[in-house]
């Protein structure tokens, strides 16, 4: 499913990034939130969460585990807590049903 920009308006999202090349994930801020891997057409491939100070590490771990398969882009939705990140991740996974979240 293609990324829906109205998800930026979710009450848990306090800030978000533009899409960037997945190789540039180290440039993201280490804040709590959700990250999205997508292809060039913004088809969502994987959605993951990160607690405070963990965004770059969690993305790195997900890539190592093969969760970036088919993805070339990454985006971060920042939240003000790990609990809000977990809640938002659940909502987004249920909405998009990304292929790399299924296994």
C-alpha atoms as a PDB file:
ATOM      1  CA  UNK A   1       0.000   0.000   0.000  1.00  0.00           C
ATOM      2  CA  UNK A   2       1.234   3.488  -0.869  1.00  0.00           C
ATOM      3  CA  UNK A   3       2.151   5.866   1.987  1.00  0.00           C
ATOM      4  CA  UNK A   4      -0.705   8.178   2.982  1.00  0.00           C
ATOM      5  CA  UNK A   5       0.566  11.637   3.985  1.00  0.00           C
ATOM      6  CA  UNK A   6      -2.426  12.147   6.289  1.00  0.00           C
ATOM      7  CA  UNK A   7      -0.647   9.784   8.702  1.00  0.00           C
ATOM      8  CA  UNK A   8       1.636  12.733   9.519  1.00  0.00           C
ATOM      9  CA  UNK A   9      -1.372  14.261  11.294  1.00  0.00           C
ATOM     10  CA  UNK A  10      -1.813  11.422  13.799  1.00  0.00           C
ATOM     11  CA  UNK A  11      -1.991  12.820  17.344  1.00  0.00           C
ATOM     12  CA  UNK A  12       1.093  10.810  18.376  1.00  0.00           C
ATOM     13  CA  UNK A  13       3.325  12.405  15.704  1.00  0.00           C
ATOM     14  CA  UNK A  14       5.164  15.508  16.938  1.00  0.00           C
ATOM     15  CA  UNK A  15       7.520  15.809  13.949  1.00  0.00           C
ATOM     16  CA  UNK A  16       8.451  13.865  10.832  1.00  0.00           C
ATOM     17  CA  UNK A  17      11.085  13.725   8.123  1.00  0.00           C
ATOM     18  CA  UNK A  18      10.869  13.743   4.369  1.00  0.00           C
ATOM     19  CA  UNK A  19      11.635  10.550   2.496  1.00  0.00           C
ATOM     20  CA  UNK A  20      15.369  10.061   2.146  1.00  0.00           C
ATOM     21  CA  UNK A  21      17.652   7.472   0.616  1.00  0.00           C
ATOM     22  CA  UNK A  22      17.788   4.467   2.936  1.00  0.00           C
ATOM     23  CA  UNK A  23      21.606   4.602   3.008  1.00  0.00           C
ATOM     24  CA  UNK A  24      21.368   7.998   4.740  1.00  0.00           C
ATOM     25  CA  UNK A  25      19.491   6.693   7.793  1.00  0.00           C
ATOM     26  CA  UNK A  26      22.377   7.725  10.083  1.00  0.00           C
ATOM     27  CA  UNK A  27      21.325  11.357   9.497  1.00  0.00           C
ATOM     28  CA  UNK A  28      18.023  10.830  11.338  1.00  0.00           C
ATOM     29  CA  UNK A  29      17.629  12.146  14.874  1.00  0.00           C
ATOM     30  CA  UNK A  30      17.866   9.602  17.689  1.00  0.00           C
ATOM     31  CA  UNK A  31      14.388  10.244  19.044  1.00  0.00           C
ATOM     32  CA  UNK A  32      11.477   7.976  19.870  1.00  0.00           C
ATOM     33  CA  UNK A  33       9.219   7.237  16.957  1.00  0.00           C
ATOM     34  CA  UNK A  34       8.335   5.038  14.036  1.00  0.00           C
ATOM     35  CA  UNK A  35      10.344   4.510  10.873  1.00  0.00           C
ATOM     36  CA  UNK A  36       9.018   3.427   7.519  1.00  0.00           C
ATOM     37  CA  UNK A  37      10.876   1.663   4.723  1.00  0.00           C
ATOM     38  CA  UNK A  38       9.376   2.110   1.249  1.00  0.00           C
ATOM     39  CA  UNK A  39      10.229   1.691  -2.413  1.00  0.00           C
ATOM     40  CA  UNK A  40      10.583   4.521  -4.955  1.00  0.00           C
ATOM     41  CA  UNK A  41       6.797   4.607  -5.412  1.00  0.00           C
ATOM     42  CA  UNK A  42       6.279   5.009  -1.629  1.00  0.00           C
ATOM     43  CA  UNK A  43       4.872   1.502  -1.320  1.00  0.00           C
ATOM     44  CA  UNK A  44       5.403   0.659   2.367  1.00  0.00           C
ATOM     45  CA  UNK A  45       7.695  -2.350   2.866  1.00  0.00           C
ATOM     46  CA  UNK A  46       8.326  -2.284   6.641  1.00  0.00           C
ATOM     47  CA  UNK A  47       7.307  -0.300   9.715  1.00  0.00           C
ATOM     48  CA  UNK A  48       9.336  -0.374  12.928  1.00  0.00           C
ATOM     49  CA  UNK A  49       9.523   1.535  16.189  1.00  0.00           C
ATOM     50  CA  UNK A  50      12.311   3.069  18.222  1.00  0.00           C
ATOM     51  CA  UNK A  51      12.439   4.185  21.832  1.00  0.00           C
ATOM     52  CA  UNK A  52      14.103   7.399  22.933  1.00  0.00           C
ATOM     53  CA  UNK A  53      17.653   7.644  21.613  1.00  0.00           C
ATOM     54  CA  UNK A  54      17.304   4.481  19.509  1.00  0.00           C
ATOM     55  CA  UNK A  55      16.120   5.508  16.012  1.00  0.00           C
ATOM     56  CA  UNK A  56      19.418   5.001  14.162  1.00  0.00           C
ATOM     57  CA  UNK A  57      20.232   1.757  16.033  1.00  0.00           C
ATOM     58  CA  UNK A  58      16.779   0.282  15.404  1.00  0.00           C
ATOM     59  CA  UNK A  59      16.953   1.090  11.687  1.00  0.00           C
ATOM     60  CA  UNK A  60      20.407  -0.460  11.492  1.00  0.00           C
ATOM     61  CA  UNK A  61      19.148  -3.604  13.266  1.00  0.00           C
ATOM     62  CA  UNK A  62      16.117  -3.855  10.969  1.00  0.00           C
ATOM     63  CA  UNK A  63      18.328  -3.566   7.892  1.00  0.00           C
ATOM     64  CA  UNK A  64      20.665  -6.240   9.268  1.00  0.00           C
ATOM     65  CA  UNK A  65      17.640  -8.544   9.761  1.00  0.00           C
ATOM     66  CA  UNK A  66      16.594  -8.038   6.117  1.00  0.00           C
ATOM     67  CA  UNK A  67      13.539  -5.907   6.861  1.00  0.00           C
ATOM     68  CA  UNK A  68      14.577  -3.357   4.215  1.00  0.00           C
ATOM     69  CA  UNK A  69      14.099  -5.866   1.379  1.00  0.00           C
ATOM     70  CA  UNK A  70      12.650  -4.025  -1.635  1.00  0.00           C
ATOM     71  CA  UNK A  71      13.010  -0.615   0.048  1.00  0.00           C
ATOM     72  CA  UNK A  72      15.084   2.320  -1.133  1.00  0.00           C
ATOM     73  CA  UNK A  73      13.612   5.071   1.065  1.00  0.00           C
ATOM     74  CA  UNK A  74      13.227   5.730   4.778  1.00  0.00           C
ATOM     75  CA  UNK A  75      11.059   8.188   6.719  1.00  0.00           C
ATOM     76  CA  UNK A  76      10.764   8.832  10.457  1.00  0.00           C
ATOM     77  CA  UNK A  77       7.684   9.879  12.405  1.00  0.00           C
ATOM     78  CA  UNK A  78       8.839  11.187  15.781  1.00  0.00           C
ATOM     79  CA  UNK A  79       6.751  10.797  18.927  1.00  0.00           C
ATOM     80  CA  UNK A  80       7.203  12.164  22.433  1.00  0.00           C
ATOM     81  CA  UNK A  81       7.521   8.721  24.061  1.00  0.00           C
ATOM     82  CA  UNK A  82       8.327   5.095  23.443  1.00  0.00           C
ATOM     83  CA  UNK A  83       4.756   4.171  24.402  1.00  0.00           C
ATOM     84  CA  UNK A  84       3.358   6.454  21.707  1.00  0.00           C
ATOM     85  CA  UNK A  85       5.840   4.987  19.214  1.00  0.00           C
ATOM     86  CA  UNK A  86       4.655   1.471  20.035  1.00  0.00           C
ATOM     87  CA  UNK A  87       1.002   2.474  19.736  1.00  0.00           C
ATOM     88  CA  UNK A  88       1.580   4.268  16.420  1.00  0.00           C
ATOM     89  CA  UNK A  89       3.563   1.333  15.036  1.00  0.00           C
ATOM     90  CA  UNK A  90       0.644  -1.017  15.756  1.00  0.00           C
ATOM     91  CA  UNK A  91      -1.871   1.281  14.047  1.00  0.00           C
ATOM     92  CA  UNK A  92       0.323   1.723  10.963  1.00  0.00           C
ATOM     93  CA  UNK A  93       1.148  -1.986  10.614  1.00  0.00           C
ATOM     94  CA  UNK A  94      -2.563  -2.791  10.777  1.00  0.00           C
ATOM     95  CA  UNK A  95      -3.297  -0.141   8.134  1.00  0.00           C
ATOM     96  CA  UNK A  96      -0.497  -0.947   5.657  1.00  0.00           C
ATOM     97  CA  UNK A  97       0.176  -4.649   6.330  1.00  0.00           C
ATOM     98  CA  UNK A  98       3.747  -4.289   5.021  1.00  0.00           C
ATOM     99  CA  UNK A  99       5.235  -7.431   3.464  1.00  0.00           C
ATOM    100  CA  UNK A 100       8.428  -7.322   5.563  1.00  0.00           C
ATOM    101  CA  UNK A 101       6.430  -7.159   8.817  1.00  0.00           C
ATOM    102  CA  UNK A 102       4.627 -10.440   8.096  1.00  0.00           C
ATOM    103  CA  UNK A 103       7.440 -12.873   8.835  1.00  0.00           C
END
